[in-house]
């Protein structure tokens, strides 16, 4: 039984972080490019280094609850083997990355020490 929390739409604002490595870089770049053209959301830089609490290279997508119902199922269907962290934005970074963290694909251990956790 899968115990990885699936994304639920209970917040006003969200981030989705697409995780990748050297082998899946092109796949991630293509996915982020399609998201940027298909959805009215903000797609950040493709980081080829670990940033913040993220244990892998990543790209951040910022979106609102109104985008959730179309973006999240699409991401899940098109992410292939990439893991995607989806979390609410409440102003409490530690809770956002723990209590309000949801996954598409395999969950990854986050570096919560940067939040004092």
PDB file of N, CA and C in Angstrom:
ATOM      1  N   UNK A   1       0.843  -1.191   0.000  1.00  0.00           N
ATOM      2  CA  UNK A   1       0.000   0.000   0.000  1.00  0.00           C
ATOM      3  C   UNK A   1       0.885   1.250   0.000  1.00  0.00           C
ATOM      4  N   UNK A   2       0.561   2.226  -0.848  1.00  0.00           N
ATOM      5  CA  UNK A   2       1.333   3.456  -0.981  1.00  0.00           C
ATOM      6  C   UNK A   2       0.991   4.399   0.164  1.00  0.00           C
ATOM      7  N   UNK A   3       2.016   4.777   0.944  1.00  0.00           N
ATOM      8  CA  UNK A   3       1.796   5.678   2.070  1.00  0.00           C
ATOM      9  C   UNK A   3       2.266   7.092   1.765  1.00  0.00           C
ATOM     10  N   UNK A   4       2.678   7.340   0.512  1.00  0.00           N
ATOM     11  CA  UNK A   4       3.116   8.666   0.116  1.00  0.00           C
ATOM     12  C   UNK A   4       1.897   9.572   0.001  1.00  0.00           C
ATOM     13  N   UNK A   5       1.877  10.688   0.741  1.00  0.00           N
ATOM     14  CA  UNK A   5       0.710  11.587   0.672  1.00  0.00           C
ATOM     15  C   UNK A   5       0.520  12.160  -0.727  1.00  0.00           C
ATOM     16  N   UNK A   6      -0.664  11.982  -1.278  1.00  0.00           N
ATOM     17  CA  UNK A   6      -1.011  12.518  -2.586  1.00  0.00           C
ATOM     18  C   UNK A   6      -1.476  13.967  -2.430  1.00  0.00           C
ATOM     19  N   UNK A   7      -1.240  14.809  -3.437  1.00  0.00           N
ATOM     20  CA  UNK A   7      -1.646  16.213  -3.338  1.00  0.00           C
ATOM     21  C   UNK A   7      -3.158  16.379  -3.166  1.00  0.00           C
ATOM     22  N   UNK A   8      -3.502  17.290  -2.268  1.00  0.00           N
ATOM     23  CA  UNK A   8      -4.901  17.671  -2.076  1.00  0.00           C
ATOM     24  C   UNK A   8      -4.983  19.194  -2.120  1.00  0.00           C
ATOM     25  N   UNK A   9      -6.084  19.701  -2.623  1.00  0.00           N
ATOM     26  CA  UNK A   9      -6.248  21.137  -2.825  1.00  0.00           C
ATOM     27  C   UNK A   9      -6.924  21.759  -1.605  1.00  0.00           C
ATOM     28  N   UNK A  10      -6.108  22.146  -0.614  1.00  0.00           N
ATOM     29  CA  UNK A  10      -6.640  22.744   0.614  1.00  0.00           C
ATOM     30  C   UNK A  10      -5.979  24.076   0.970  1.00  0.00           C
ATOM     31  N   UNK A  11      -5.098  24.569   0.093  1.00  0.00           N
ATOM     32  CA  UNK A  11      -4.375  25.814   0.361  1.00  0.00           C
ATOM     33  C   UNK A  11      -4.686  26.826  -0.745  1.00  0.00           C
ATOM     34  N   UNK A  12      -4.361  28.071  -0.511  1.00  0.00           N
ATOM     35  CA  UNK A  12      -4.575  29.108  -1.521  1.00  0.00           C
ATOM     36  C   UNK A  12      -3.436  29.148  -2.545  1.00  0.00           C
ATOM     37  N   UNK A  13      -2.214  28.878  -2.054  1.00  0.00           N
ATOM     38  CA  UNK A  13      -1.022  28.978  -2.899  1.00  0.00           C
ATOM     39  C   UNK A  13      -0.159  27.735  -2.733  1.00  0.00           C
ATOM     40  N   UNK A  14       0.584  27.391  -3.807  1.00  0.00           N
ATOM     41  CA  UNK A  14       1.393  26.172  -3.826  1.00  0.00           C
ATOM     42  C   UNK A  14       2.709  26.373  -4.566  1.00  0.00           C
ATOM     43  N   UNK A  15       3.623  25.464  -4.264  1.00  0.00           N
ATOM     44  CA  UNK A  15       4.796  25.228  -5.094  1.00  0.00           C
ATOM     45  C   UNK A  15       4.778  23.766  -5.488  1.00  0.00           C
ATOM     46  N   UNK A  16       5.244  23.499  -6.680  1.00  0.00           N
ATOM     47  CA  UNK A  16       5.558  22.138  -7.104  1.00  0.00           C
ATOM     48  C   UNK A  16       7.021  22.162  -7.497  1.00  0.00           C
ATOM     49  N   UNK A  17       7.788  21.202  -7.020  1.00  0.00           N
ATOM     50  CA  UNK A  17       9.211  21.112  -7.328  1.00  0.00           C
ATOM     51  C   UNK A  17       9.434  19.818  -8.094  1.00  0.00           C
ATOM     52  N   UNK A  18       9.866  19.961  -9.340  1.00  0.00           N
ATOM     53  CA  UNK A  18      10.180  18.805 -10.170  1.00  0.00           C
ATOM     54  C   UNK A  18      11.627  18.434  -9.893  1.00  0.00           C
ATOM     55  N   UNK A  19      11.850  17.196  -9.480  1.00  0.00           N
ATOM     56  CA  UNK A  19      13.191  16.711  -9.139  1.00  0.00           C
ATOM     57  C   UNK A  19      13.780  15.906 -10.294  1.00  0.00           C
ATOM     58  N   UNK A  20      15.082  16.081 -10.508  1.00  0.00           N
ATOM     59  CA  UNK A  20      15.762  15.383 -11.604  1.00  0.00           C
ATOM     60  C   UNK A  20      17.248  15.294 -11.292  1.00  0.00           C
ATOM     61  N   UNK A  21      17.973  14.599 -12.158  1.00  0.00           N
ATOM     62  CA  UNK A  21      19.429  14.487 -12.037  1.00  0.00           C
ATOM     63  C   UNK A  21      20.033  14.600 -13.432  1.00  0.00           C
ATOM     64  N   UNK A  22      21.337  14.283 -13.571  1.00  0.00           N
ATOM     65  CA  UNK A  22      22.004  14.405 -14.869  1.00  0.00           C
ATOM     66  C   UNK A  22      21.301  13.589 -15.947  1.00  0.00           C
ATOM     67  N   UNK A  23      20.856  12.397 -15.596  1.00  0.00           N
ATOM     68  CA  UNK A  23      20.245  11.494 -16.578  1.00  0.00           C
ATOM     69  C   UNK A  23      18.862  11.965 -17.016  1.00  0.00           C
ATOM     70  N   UNK A  24      18.162  12.687 -16.158  1.00  0.00           N
ATOM     71  CA  UNK A  24      16.792  13.099 -16.477  1.00  0.00           C
ATOM     72  C   UNK A  24      16.666  14.609 -16.700  1.00  0.00           C
ATOM     73  N   UNK A  25      17.793  15.291 -16.851  1.00  0.00           N
ATOM     74  CA  UNK A  25      17.796  16.747 -17.048  1.00  0.00           C
ATOM     75  C   UNK A  25      16.946  17.154 -18.254  1.00  0.00           C
ATOM     76  N   UNK A  26      17.184  16.548 -19.398  1.00  0.00           N
ATOM     77  CA  UNK A  26      16.448  16.935 -20.607  1.00  0.00           C
ATOM     78  C   UNK A  26      14.949  16.706 -20.447  1.00  0.00           C
ATOM     79  N   UNK A  27      14.589  15.610 -19.814  1.00  0.00           N
ATOM     80  CA  UNK A  27      13.185  15.299 -19.542  1.00  0.00           C
ATOM     81  C   UNK A  27      12.542  16.389 -18.678  1.00  0.00           C
ATOM     82  N   UNK A  28      13.272  16.810 -17.638  1.00  0.00           N
ATOM     83  CA  UNK A  28      12.763  17.839 -16.728  1.00  0.00           C
ATOM     84  C   UNK A  28      12.650  19.188 -17.433  1.00  0.00           C
ATOM     85  N   UNK A  29      13.648  19.546 -18.223  1.00  0.00           N
ATOM     86  CA  UNK A  29      13.616  20.816 -18.957  1.00  0.00           C
ATOM     87  C   UNK A  29      12.413  20.843 -19.894  1.00  0.00           C
ATOM     88  N   UNK A  30      12.182  19.744 -20.592  1.00  0.00           N
ATOM     89  CA  UNK A  30      11.035  19.669 -21.505  1.00  0.00           C
ATOM     90  C   UNK A  30       9.717  19.789 -20.741  1.00  0.00           C
ATOM     91  N   UNK A  31       9.612  19.073 -19.611  1.00  0.00           N
ATOM     92  CA  UNK A  31       8.395  19.131 -18.804  1.00  0.00           C
ATOM     93  C   UNK A  31       8.132  20.552 -18.310  1.00  0.00           C
ATOM     94  N   UNK A  32       9.157  21.213 -17.797  1.00  0.00           N
ATOM     95  CA  UNK A  32       9.006  22.588 -17.300  1.00  0.00           C
ATOM     96  C   UNK A  32       8.619  23.543 -18.427  1.00  0.00           C
ATOM     97  N   UNK A  33       9.194  23.349 -19.596  1.00  0.00           N
ATOM     98  CA  UNK A  33       8.877  24.190 -20.745  1.00  0.00           C
ATOM     99  C   UNK A  33       7.414  24.021 -21.157  1.00  0.00           C
ATOM    100  N   UNK A  34       6.929  22.808 -21.158  1.00  0.00           N
ATOM    101  CA  UNK A  34       5.528  22.564 -21.508  1.00  0.00           C
ATOM    102  C   UNK A  34       4.600  23.178 -20.461  1.00  0.00           C
ATOM    103  N   UNK A  35       4.942  23.020 -19.183  1.00  0.00           N
ATOM    104  CA  UNK A  35       4.123  23.621 -18.115  1.00  0.00           C
ATOM    105  C   UNK A  35       4.036  25.133 -18.316  1.00  0.00           C
ATOM    106  N   UNK A  36       5.178  25.763 -18.617  1.00  0.00           N
ATOM    107  CA  UNK A  36       5.211  27.216 -18.798  1.00  0.00           C
ATOM    108  C   UNK A  36       4.334  27.668 -19.957  1.00  0.00           C
ATOM    109  N   UNK A  37       4.251  26.872 -21.013  1.00  0.00           N
ATOM    110  CA  UNK A  37       3.455  27.275 -22.170  1.00  0.00           C
ATOM    111  C   UNK A  37       1.989  26.865 -22.061  1.00  0.00           C
ATOM    112  N   UNK A  38       1.696  25.800 -21.311  1.00  0.00           N
ATOM    113  CA  UNK A  38       0.346  25.250 -21.243  1.00  0.00           C
ATOM    114  C   UNK A  38      -0.506  25.851 -20.120  1.00  0.00           C
ATOM    115  N   UNK A  39       0.143  26.269 -19.023  1.00  0.00           N
ATOM    116  CA  UNK A  39      -0.581  26.740 -17.843  1.00  0.00           C
ATOM    117  C   UNK A  39      -0.172  28.176 -17.521  1.00  0.00           C
ATOM    118  N   UNK A  40      -1.070  28.920 -16.921  1.00  0.00           N
ATOM    119  CA  UNK A  40      -0.796  30.300 -16.518  1.00  0.00           C
ATOM    120  C   UNK A  40      -0.197  30.289 -15.107  1.00  0.00           C
ATOM    121  N   UNK A  41       1.027  29.756 -15.018  1.00  0.00           N
ATOM    122  CA  UNK A  41       1.724  29.641 -13.740  1.00  0.00           C
ATOM    123  C   UNK A  41       3.147  30.161 -13.906  1.00  0.00           C
ATOM    124  N   UNK A  42       3.831  30.363 -12.800  1.00  0.00           N
ATOM    125  CA  UNK A  42       5.209  30.830 -12.825  1.00  0.00           C
ATOM    126  C   UNK A  42       6.157  29.637 -12.721  1.00  0.00           C
ATOM    127  N   UNK A  43       7.019  29.474 -13.716  1.00  0.00           N
ATOM    128  CA  UNK A  43       8.002  28.394 -13.715  1.00  0.00           C
ATOM    129  C   UNK A  43       9.374  29.015 -13.514  1.00  0.00           C
ATOM    130  N   UNK A  44      10.053  28.571 -12.468  1.00  0.00           N
ATOM    131  CA  UNK A  44      11.364  29.121 -12.128  1.00  0.00           C
ATOM    132  C   UNK A  44      12.487  28.509 -12.930  1.00  0.00           C
ATOM    133  N   UNK A  45      13.699  28.807 -12.496  1.00  0.00           N
ATOM    134  CA  UNK A  45      14.890  28.294 -13.164  1.00  0.00           C
ATOM    135  C   UNK A  45      15.038  26.793 -12.942  1.00  0.00           C
ATOM    136  N   UNK A  46      15.717  26.166 -13.856  1.00  0.00           N
ATOM    137  CA  UNK A  46      16.082  24.759 -13.727  1.00  0.00           C
ATOM    138  C   UNK A  46      17.427  24.741 -13.010  1.00  0.00           C
ATOM    139  N   UNK A  47      17.412  24.373 -11.738  1.00  0.00           N
ATOM    140  CA  UNK A  47      18.625  24.382 -10.917  1.00  0.00           C
ATOM    141  C   UNK A  47      19.376  23.064 -11.057  1.00  0.00           C
ATOM    142  N   UNK A  48      20.608  23.141 -11.520  1.00  0.00           N
ATOM    143  CA  UNK A  48      21.455  21.964 -11.620  1.00  0.00           C
ATOM    144  C   UNK A  48      22.369  21.894 -10.400  1.00  0.00           C
ATOM    145  N   UNK A  49      21.749  22.084  -9.250  1.00  0.00           N
ATOM    146  CA  UNK A  49      22.392  21.971  -7.943  1.00  0.00           C
ATOM    147  C   UNK A  49      21.266  21.863  -6.926  1.00  0.00           C
ATOM    148  N   UNK A  50      21.585  21.432  -5.735  1.00  0.00           N
ATOM    149  CA  UNK A  50      20.580  21.364  -4.672  1.00  0.00           C
ATOM    150  C   UNK A  50      20.339  22.769  -4.136  1.00  0.00           C
ATOM    151  N   UNK A  51      19.091  23.148  -3.998  1.00  0.00           N
ATOM    152  CA  UNK A  51      18.705  24.482  -3.525  1.00  0.00           C
ATOM    153  C   UNK A  51      17.744  24.311  -2.357  1.00  0.00           C
ATOM    154  N   UNK A  52      17.965  25.080  -1.289  1.00  0.00           N
ATOM    155  CA  UNK A  52      17.070  25.032  -0.129  1.00  0.00           C
ATOM    156  C   UNK A  52      17.008  23.634   0.458  1.00  0.00           C
ATOM    157  N   UNK A  53      15.813  23.163   0.770  1.00  0.00           N
ATOM    158  CA  UNK A  53      15.684  21.846   1.400  1.00  0.00           C
ATOM    159  C   UNK A  53      15.691  20.690   0.398  1.00  0.00           C
ATOM    160  N   UNK A  54      15.835  21.005  -0.884  1.00  0.00           N
ATOM    161  CA  UNK A  54      15.663  20.000  -1.922  1.00  0.00           C
ATOM    162  C   UNK A  54      16.925  19.156  -2.104  1.00  0.00           C
ATOM    163  N   UNK A  55      16.786  17.825  -2.035  1.00  0.00           N
ATOM    164  CA  UNK A  55      17.932  16.928  -2.069  1.00  0.00           C
ATOM    165  C   UNK A  55      18.425  16.597  -3.476  1.00  0.00           C
ATOM    166  N   UNK A  56      17.750  17.125  -4.474  1.00  0.00           N
ATOM    167  CA  UNK A  56      18.115  16.872  -5.867  1.00  0.00           C
ATOM    168  C   UNK A  56      18.037  18.176  -6.642  1.00  0.00           C
ATOM    169  N   UNK A  57      18.506  18.148  -7.865  1.00  0.00           N
ATOM    170  CA  UNK A  57      18.299  19.280  -8.756  1.00  0.00           C
ATOM    171  C   UNK A  57      16.792  19.461  -8.910  1.00  0.00           C
ATOM    172  N   UNK A  58      16.352  20.702  -9.127  1.00  0.00           N
ATOM    173  CA  UNK A  58      14.904  20.922  -9.176  1.00  0.00           C
ATOM    174  C   UNK A  58      14.541  22.171  -9.971  1.00  0.00           C
ATOM    175  N   UNK A  59      13.259  22.233 -10.285  1.00  0.00           N
ATOM    176  CA  UNK A  59      12.654  23.413 -10.895  1.00  0.00           C
ATOM    177  C   UNK A  59      11.351  23.669 -10.158  1.00  0.00           C
ATOM    178  N   UNK A  60      11.120  24.913  -9.780  1.00  0.00           N
ATOM    179  CA  UNK A  60       9.940  25.277  -8.993  1.00  0.00           C
ATOM    180  C   UNK A  60       8.831  25.862  -9.865  1.00  0.00           C
ATOM    181  N   UNK A  61       7.628  25.400  -9.613  1.00  0.00           N
ATOM    182  CA  UNK A  61       6.431  25.947 -10.254  1.00  0.00           C
ATOM    183  C   UNK A  61       5.586  26.579  -9.143  1.00  0.00           C
ATOM    184  N   UNK A  62       5.202  27.834  -9.305  1.00  0.00           N
ATOM    185  CA  UNK A  62       4.341  28.530  -8.345  1.00  0.00           C
ATOM    186  C   UNK A  62       2.953  28.647  -8.953  1.00  0.00           C
ATOM    187  N   UNK A  63       1.927  28.293  -8.154  1.00  0.00           N
ATOM    188  CA  UNK A  63       0.570  28.330  -8.676  1.00  0.00           C
ATOM    189  C   UNK A  63      -0.431  28.502  -7.545  1.00  0.00           C
ATOM    190  N   UNK A  64      -1.679  28.740  -7.925  1.00  0.00           N
ATOM    191  CA  UNK A  64      -2.742  28.967  -6.948  1.00  0.00           C
ATOM    192  C   UNK A  64      -3.706  27.787  -6.929  1.00  0.00           C
ATOM    193  N   UNK A  65      -4.596  27.812  -5.969  1.00  0.00           N
ATOM    194  CA  UNK A  65      -5.604  26.750  -5.839  1.00  0.00           C
ATOM    195  C   UNK A  65      -6.445  26.632  -7.109  1.00  0.00           C
ATOM    196  N   UNK A  66      -6.650  27.718  -7.815  1.00  0.00           N
ATOM    197  CA  UNK A  66      -7.459  27.667  -9.031  1.00  0.00           C
ATOM    198  C   UNK A  66      -6.784  26.883 -10.158  1.00  0.00           C
ATOM    199  N   UNK A  67      -5.458  26.740 -10.099  1.00  0.00           N
ATOM    200  CA  UNK A  67      -4.723  25.959 -11.104  1.00  0.00           C
ATOM    201  C   UNK A  67      -4.610  24.491 -10.718  1.00  0.00           C
ATOM    202  N   UNK A  68      -4.847  24.182  -9.458  1.00  0.00           N
ATOM    203  CA  UNK A  68      -4.575  22.857  -8.902  1.00  0.00           C
ATOM    204  C   UNK A  68      -5.258  21.741  -9.700  1.00  0.00           C
ATOM    205  N   UNK A  69      -6.557  21.875  -9.948  1.00  0.00           N
ATOM    206  CA  UNK A  69      -7.343  20.796 -10.564  1.00  0.00           C
ATOM    207  C   UNK A  69      -6.894  20.461 -11.981  1.00  0.00           C
ATOM    208  N   UNK A  70      -6.326  21.398 -12.695  1.00  0.00           N
ATOM    209  CA  UNK A  70      -5.832  21.106 -14.042  1.00  0.00           C
ATOM    210  C   UNK A  70      -4.345  20.764 -14.042  1.00  0.00           C
ATOM    211  N   UNK A  71      -3.554  21.471 -13.256  1.00  0.00           N
ATOM    212  CA  UNK A  71      -2.103  21.271 -13.271  1.00  0.00           C
ATOM    213  C   UNK A  71      -1.663  19.950 -12.635  1.00  0.00           C
ATOM    214  N   UNK A  72      -2.148  19.638 -11.455  1.00  0.00           N
ATOM    215  CA  UNK A  72      -1.646  18.472 -10.728  1.00  0.00           C
ATOM    216  C   UNK A  72      -1.932  17.157 -11.457  1.00  0.00           C
ATOM    217  N   UNK A  73      -3.149  16.903 -11.918  1.00  0.00           N
ATOM    218  CA  UNK A  73      -3.360  15.661 -12.675  1.00  0.00           C
ATOM    219  C   UNK A  73      -2.518  15.608 -13.956  1.00  0.00           C
ATOM    220  N   UNK A  74      -2.356  16.752 -14.618  1.00  0.00           N
ATOM    221  CA  UNK A  74      -1.538  16.793 -15.822  1.00  0.00           C
ATOM    222  C   UNK A  74      -0.082  16.467 -15.487  1.00  0.00           C
ATOM    223  N   UNK A  75       0.449  17.095 -14.419  1.00  0.00           N
ATOM    224  CA  UNK A  75       1.824  16.804 -13.996  1.00  0.00           C
ATOM    225  C   UNK A  75       1.992  15.331 -13.665  1.00  0.00           C
ATOM    226  N   UNK A  76       1.048  14.772 -12.960  1.00  0.00           N
ATOM    227  CA  UNK A  76       1.139  13.366 -12.577  1.00  0.00           C
ATOM    228  C   UNK A  76       1.158  12.468 -13.812  1.00  0.00           C
ATOM    229  N   UNK A  77       0.372  12.792 -14.784  1.00  0.00           N
ATOM    230  CA  UNK A  77       0.293  11.983 -15.999  1.00  0.00           C
ATOM    231  C   UNK A  77       1.512  12.139 -16.894  1.00  0.00           C
ATOM    232  N   UNK A  78       2.171  13.303 -16.843  1.00  0.00           N
ATOM    233  CA  UNK A  78       3.257  13.607 -17.780  1.00  0.00           C
ATOM    234  C   UNK A  78       4.651  13.630 -17.173  1.00  0.00           C
ATOM    235  N   UNK A  79       4.776  13.371 -15.891  1.00  0.00           N
ATOM    236  CA  UNK A  79       6.077  13.464 -15.218  1.00  0.00           C
ATOM    237  C   UNK A  79       6.984  12.275 -15.503  1.00  0.00           C
ATOM    238  N   UNK A  80       6.460  11.230 -16.105  1.00  0.00           N
ATOM    239  CA  UNK A  80       7.177   9.979 -16.358  1.00  0.00           C
ATOM    240  C   UNK A  80       7.681   9.439 -15.027  1.00  0.00           C
ATOM    241  N   UNK A  81       8.987   9.269 -14.874  1.00  0.00           N
ATOM    242  CA  UNK A  81       9.543   8.727 -13.621  1.00  0.00           C
ATOM    243  C   UNK A  81      10.030   9.814 -12.667  1.00  0.00           C
ATOM    244  N   UNK A  82       9.849  11.072 -13.012  1.00  0.00           N
ATOM    245  CA  UNK A  82      10.318  12.164 -12.162  1.00  0.00           C
ATOM    246  C   UNK A  82       9.453  12.270 -10.904  1.00  0.00           C
ATOM    247  N   UNK A  83      10.089  12.590  -9.800  1.00  0.00           N
ATOM    248  CA  UNK A  83       9.359  12.864  -8.559  1.00  0.00           C
ATOM    249  C   UNK A  83       9.019  14.344  -8.505  1.00  0.00           C
ATOM    250  N   UNK A  84       7.833  14.645  -7.968  1.00  0.00           N
ATOM    251  CA  UNK A  84       7.401  16.035  -7.838  1.00  0.00           C
ATOM    252  C   UNK A  84       6.886  16.248  -6.425  1.00  0.00           C
ATOM    253  N   UNK A  85       7.504  17.199  -5.733  1.00  0.00           N
ATOM    254  CA  UNK A  85       7.020  17.625  -4.417  1.00  0.00           C
ATOM    255  C   UNK A  85       6.017  18.749  -4.646  1.00  0.00           C
ATOM    256  N   UNK A  86       4.833  18.601  -4.078  1.00  0.00           N
ATOM    257  CA  UNK A  86       3.809  19.646  -4.122  1.00  0.00           C
ATOM    258  C   UNK A  86       3.558  20.048  -2.683  1.00  0.00           C
ATOM    259  N   UNK A  87       3.658  21.344  -2.378  1.00  0.00           N
ATOM    260  CA  UNK A  87       3.398  21.771  -0.994  1.00  0.00           C
ATOM    261  C   UNK A  87       2.658  23.099  -0.958  1.00  0.00           C
ATOM    262  N   UNK A  88       1.867  23.243   0.073  1.00  0.00           N
ATOM    263  CA  UNK A  88       1.162  24.492   0.307  1.00  0.00           C
ATOM    264  C   UNK A  88       2.126  25.584   0.717  1.00  0.00           C
ATOM    265  N   UNK A  89       1.701  26.818   0.528  1.00  0.00           N
ATOM    266  CA  UNK A  89       2.462  27.994   0.970  1.00  0.00           C
ATOM    267  C   UNK A  89       1.631  28.717   2.015  1.00  0.00           C
ATOM    268  N   UNK A  90       2.001  28.541   3.275  1.00  0.00           N
ATOM    269  CA  UNK A  90       1.233  29.127   4.374  1.00  0.00           C
ATOM    270  C   UNK A  90       1.997  30.207   5.121  1.00  0.00           C
ATOM    271  N   UNK A  91       3.295  30.353   4.798  1.00  0.00           N
ATOM    272  CA  UNK A  91       4.129  31.285   5.548  1.00  0.00           C
ATOM    273  C   UNK A  91       4.972  30.586   6.605  1.00  0.00           C
ATOM    274  N   UNK A  92       4.720  29.306   6.823  1.00  0.00           N
ATOM    275  CA  UNK A  92       5.510  28.511   7.763  1.00  0.00           C
ATOM    276  C   UNK A  92       6.260  27.470   6.944  1.00  0.00           C
ATOM    277  N   UNK A  93       7.521  27.772   6.615  1.00  0.00           N
ATOM    278  CA  UNK A  93       8.294  26.916   5.716  1.00  0.00           C
ATOM    279  C   UNK A  93       8.434  25.481   6.212  1.00  0.00           C
ATOM    280  N   UNK A  94       8.650  25.309   7.508  1.00  0.00           N
ATOM    281  CA  UNK A  94       8.805  23.955   8.039  1.00  0.00           C
ATOM    282  C   UNK A  94       7.517  23.149   7.852  1.00  0.00           C
ATOM    283  N   UNK A  95       6.405  23.715   8.228  1.00  0.00           N
ATOM    284  CA  UNK A  95       5.118  22.997   8.060  1.00  0.00           C
ATOM    285  C   UNK A  95       4.783  22.780   6.588  1.00  0.00           C
ATOM    286  N   UNK A  96       5.106  23.777   5.751  1.00  0.00           N
ATOM    287  CA  UNK A  96       4.845  23.636   4.324  1.00  0.00           C
ATOM    288  C   UNK A  96       5.582  22.435   3.736  1.00  0.00           C
ATOM    289  N   UNK A  97       6.799  22.182   4.222  1.00  0.00           N
ATOM    290  CA  UNK A  97       7.626  21.098   3.688  1.00  0.00           C
ATOM    291  C   UNK A  97       7.484  19.790   4.472  1.00  0.00           C
ATOM    292  N   UNK A  98       6.612  19.778   5.476  1.00  0.00           N
ATOM    293  CA  UNK A  98       6.368  18.545   6.244  1.00  0.00           C
ATOM    294  C   UNK A  98       4.871  18.236   6.251  1.00  0.00           C
ATOM    295  N   UNK A  99       4.114  18.954   7.057  1.00  0.00           N
ATOM    296  CA  UNK A  99       2.676  18.703   7.195  1.00  0.00           C
ATOM    297  C   UNK A  99       1.912  18.908   5.888  1.00  0.00           C
ATOM    298  N   UNK A 100       2.361  19.849   5.065  1.00  0.00           N
ATOM    299  CA  UNK A 100       1.633  20.189   3.833  1.00  0.00           C
ATOM    300  C   UNK A 100       2.393  19.752   2.580  1.00  0.00           C
ATOM    301  N   UNK A 101       3.256  18.746   2.731  1.00  0.00           N
ATOM    302  CA  UNK A 101       4.038  18.217   1.605  1.00  0.00           C
ATOM    303  C   UNK A 101       3.342  16.989   1.034  1.00  0.00           C
ATOM    304  N   UNK A 102       3.163  16.986  -0.272  1.00  0.00           N
ATOM    305  CA  UNK A 102       2.509  15.898  -0.986  1.00  0.00           C
ATOM    306  C   UNK A 102       3.413  15.499  -2.156  1.00  0.00           C
ATOM    307  N   UNK A 103       3.250  14.296  -2.663  1.00  0.00           N
ATOM    308  CA  UNK A 103       4.166  13.783  -3.682  1.00  0.00           C
ATOM    309  C   UNK A 103       3.453  13.177  -4.875  1.00  0.00           C
ATOM    310  N   UNK A 104       4.034  13.427  -6.024  1.00  0.00           N
ATOM    311  CA  UNK A 104       3.736  12.687  -7.245  1.00  0.00           C
ATOM    312  C   UNK A 104       5.001  11.877  -7.503  1.00  0.00           C
ATOM    313  N   UNK A 105       4.891  10.571  -7.505  1.00  0.00           N
ATOM    314  CA  UNK A 105       6.082   9.734  -7.620  1.00  0.00           C
ATOM    315  C   UNK A 105       6.646   9.444  -6.251  1.00  0.00           C
ATOM    316  N   UNK A 106       7.894   9.014  -6.246  1.00  0.00           N
ATOM    317  CA  UNK A 106       8.545   8.649  -4.984  1.00  0.00           C
ATOM    318  C   UNK A 106       8.891   9.879  -4.161  1.00  0.00           C
ATOM    319  N   UNK A 107       8.624   9.802  -2.867  1.00  0.00           N
ATOM    320  CA  UNK A 107       9.009  10.902  -1.980  1.00  0.00           C
ATOM    321  C   UNK A 107      10.519  10.884  -1.791  1.00  0.00           C
ATOM    322  N   UNK A 108      11.063  12.036  -1.503  1.00  0.00           N
ATOM    323  CA  UNK A 108      12.507  12.204  -1.285  1.00  0.00           C
ATOM    324  C   UNK A 108      12.714  12.842   0.088  1.00  0.00           C
ATOM    325  N   UNK A 109      13.788  12.472   0.773  1.00  0.00           N
ATOM    326  CA  UNK A 109      14.052  13.093   2.078  1.00  0.00           C
ATOM    327  C   UNK A 109      14.522  14.536   1.902  1.00  0.00           C
ATOM    328  N   UNK A 110      13.861  15.457   2.558  1.00  0.00           N
ATOM    329  CA  UNK A 110      14.206  16.871   2.453  1.00  0.00           C
ATOM    330  C   UNK A 110      15.200  17.257   3.542  1.00  0.00           C
ATOM    331  N   UNK A 111      15.996  18.294   3.281  1.00  0.00           N
ATOM    332  CA  UNK A 111      16.926  18.832   4.270  1.00  0.00           C
ATOM    333  C   UNK A 111      16.188  19.876   5.098  1.00  0.00           C
ATOM    334  N   UNK A 112      15.534  19.412   6.155  1.00  0.00           N
ATOM    335  CA  UNK A 112      14.720  20.310   6.973  1.00  0.00           C
ATOM    336  C   UNK A 112      15.530  21.130   7.961  1.00  0.00           C
ATOM    337  N   UNK A 113      16.823  20.850   8.092  1.00  0.00           N
ATOM    338  CA  UNK A 113      17.678  21.595   9.020  1.00  0.00           C
ATOM    339  C   UNK A 113      17.713  23.081   8.694  1.00  0.00           C
ATOM    340  N   UNK A 114      17.511  23.428   7.437  1.00  0.00           N
ATOM    341  CA  UNK A 114      17.545  24.849   7.081  1.00  0.00           C
ATOM    342  C   UNK A 114      16.378  25.620   7.678  1.00  0.00           C
ATOM    343  N   UNK A 115      15.341  24.889   8.116  1.00  0.00           N
ATOM    344  CA  UNK A 115      14.187  25.519   8.751  1.00  0.00           C
ATOM    345  C   UNK A 115      14.265  25.415  10.274  1.00  0.00           C
ATOM    346  N   UNK A 116      15.372  24.905  10.779  1.00  0.00           N
ATOM    347  CA  UNK A 116      15.501  24.714  12.218  1.00  0.00           C
ATOM    348  C   UNK A 116      14.814  23.441  12.696  1.00  0.00           C
ATOM    349  N   UNK A 117      14.460  22.552  11.753  1.00  0.00           N
ATOM    350  CA  UNK A 117      13.759  21.302  12.083  1.00  0.00           C
ATOM    351  C   UNK A 117      14.647  20.108  12.167  1.00  0.00           C
TER     352      UNK A 117
END
